[in-house]
Amino acid sequence: MNDALTLDELAVPLRALRLLATDFGHLPAPCTRVSTVYPDQLELSFYDDLTDFEAWREALGIAPDAVECREQGGGRTRALSLTTDYAGAALRLVAYADVPAPATAAGRDAR
């Protein structure tokens, strides 16, 4: 017996991606992910900068307090994430960026 999903079973997140491309084509391009593990989810990922994530969050009308912020990699990487419903799909936005190094005492004294 073959339990593999068909492409038709991924129609909801693929439709959401098509609608996002139509309605928000002017926004920065994310990495996109549709998976058979989460067949109703569309993930948009952003790397190296959090501003593209924020542009999408704002365009989608999602409140800033809906964003989960955490650090990983021993505090070297900041990660933002949120999940919302969009066109029947669970739309997940995630972003990763380096945490700026703290100013050193010598750097503060040099000012």
Protein backbone atom coordinates (compact mmCIF):
# COMPACT_ATOMS: atom_id res chain seq x y z
CA MET A 1 0.00 0.00 0.00
CA ASN A 2 1.35 3.43 -0.98
CA ASP A 3 0.48 6.25 1.47
CA ALA A 4 2.33 8.96 -0.47
CA LEU A 5 0.44 12.19 -0.96
CA THR A 6 -0.50 13.36 -4.40
CA LEU A 7 0.23 16.82 -5.72
CA ASP A 8 -3.52 17.50 -5.55
CA GLU A 9 -3.30 17.03 -1.78
CA LEU A 10 -0.90 19.99 -1.63
CA ALA A 11 -3.32 22.25 -3.52
CA VAL A 12 -4.15 24.46 -0.49
CA PRO A 13 -0.62 25.77 0.20
CA LEU A 14 0.17 25.93 -3.52
CA ARG A 15 -2.95 28.02 -4.09
CA ALA A 16 -1.92 30.29 -1.22
CA LEU A 17 1.51 30.73 -2.82
CA ARG A 18 -0.10 31.64 -6.13
CA LEU A 19 -2.31 34.23 -4.43
CA LEU A 20 0.66 35.70 -2.52
CA ALA A 21 2.62 36.00 -5.76
CA THR A 22 -0.29 37.81 -7.36
CA ASP A 23 -1.14 40.12 -4.45
CA PHE A 24 2.35 40.73 -3.04
CA GLY A 25 4.65 40.29 -6.03
CA HIS A 26 6.34 43.60 -5.19
CA LEU A 27 7.67 42.28 -1.86
CA PRO A 28 11.09 40.65 -1.40
CA ALA A 29 11.20 37.05 -2.61
CA PRO A 30 11.33 34.49 0.20
CA CYS A 31 12.55 30.93 0.20
CA THR A 32 9.36 28.91 -0.12
CA ARG A 33 8.56 25.49 1.25
CA VAL A 34 5.61 23.17 0.75
CA SER A 35 6.01 19.80 2.41
CA THR A 36 4.24 16.47 2.49
CA VAL A 37 5.00 16.40 6.22
CA TYR A 38 2.74 19.45 6.78
CA PRO A 39 0.49 19.32 3.70
CA ASP A 40 -1.63 22.35 4.67
CA GLN A 41 1.34 24.63 5.43
CA LEU A 42 3.22 27.12 3.28
CA GLU A 43 6.46 28.42 4.74
CA LEU A 44 8.15 31.64 3.66
CA SER A 45 11.71 31.95 4.99
CA PHE A 46 14.12 34.88 5.06
CA TYR A 47 17.83 34.75 5.87
CA ASP A 48 20.50 37.28 6.89
CA ASP A 49 18.13 40.19 7.46
CA LEU A 50 14.89 40.65 9.37
CA THR A 51 13.60 43.56 7.28
CA ASP A 52 12.12 41.33 4.55
CA PHE A 53 10.20 39.36 7.21
CA GLU A 54 8.89 42.63 8.63
CA ALA A 55 7.82 43.86 5.17
CA TRP A 56 5.74 40.69 4.70
CA ARG A 57 4.32 40.83 8.23
CA GLU A 58 3.22 44.40 7.72
CA ALA A 59 1.79 43.78 4.23
CA LEU A 60 -0.25 40.86 5.57
CA GLY A 61 -1.60 43.04 8.40
CA ILE A 62 -0.20 40.86 11.17
CA ALA A 63 0.33 42.59 14.52
CA PRO A 64 3.92 42.78 15.80
CA ASP A 65 2.92 41.04 19.03
CA ALA A 66 2.03 37.90 17.00
CA VAL A 67 5.73 37.41 16.25
CA GLU A 68 7.72 34.95 18.32
CA CYS A 69 11.33 36.08 18.79
CA ARG A 70 14.06 33.81 20.08
CA GLU A 71 17.80 33.32 19.90
CA GLN A 72 19.57 30.16 18.89
CA GLY A 73 23.09 29.02 18.17
CA GLY A 74 24.33 30.06 21.58
CA GLY A 75 22.82 33.53 21.18
CA ARG A 76 24.46 34.18 17.81
CA THR A 77 21.30 33.96 15.69
CA ARG A 78 17.98 35.74 16.13
CA ALA A 79 14.92 33.91 14.83
CA LEU A 80 11.49 35.41 14.20
CA SER A 81 8.43 33.32 13.41
CA LEU A 82 4.68 33.51 13.14
CA THR A 83 1.89 31.39 11.76
CA THR A 84 -1.39 32.72 10.39
CA ASP A 85 -4.18 31.53 8.15
CA TYR A 86 -4.00 32.65 4.54
CA ALA A 87 -6.37 31.35 1.85
CA GLY A 88 -7.00 28.23 3.93
CA ALA A 89 -3.32 27.41 4.40
CA ALA A 90 -1.26 27.70 7.55
CA LEU A 91 1.14 30.41 6.41
CA ARG A 92 4.38 30.31 8.39
CA LEU A 93 6.86 33.17 8.14
CA VAL A 94 10.34 32.65 9.58
CA ALA A 95 13.47 34.77 9.51
CA TYR A 96 17.02 34.30 10.74
CA ALA A 97 19.74 36.90 11.20
CA ASP A 98 22.98 37.28 13.10
CA VAL A 99 22.72 38.96 16.49
CA PRO A 100 24.95 42.04 16.44
CA ALA A 101 28.03 41.66 18.60
CA PRO A 102 27.79 43.73 21.79
CA ALA A 103 29.95 46.81 21.99
CA THR A 104 33.14 46.15 23.91
CA ALA A 105 34.29 48.33 26.79
CA ALA A 106 37.23 49.50 24.65
CA GLY A 107 34.84 50.40 21.82
CA ARG A 108 32.65 52.47 24.15
CA ASP A 109 35.66 54.29 25.62
CA ALA A 110 36.94 55.18 22.15
CA ARG A 111 33.92 57.39 21.41
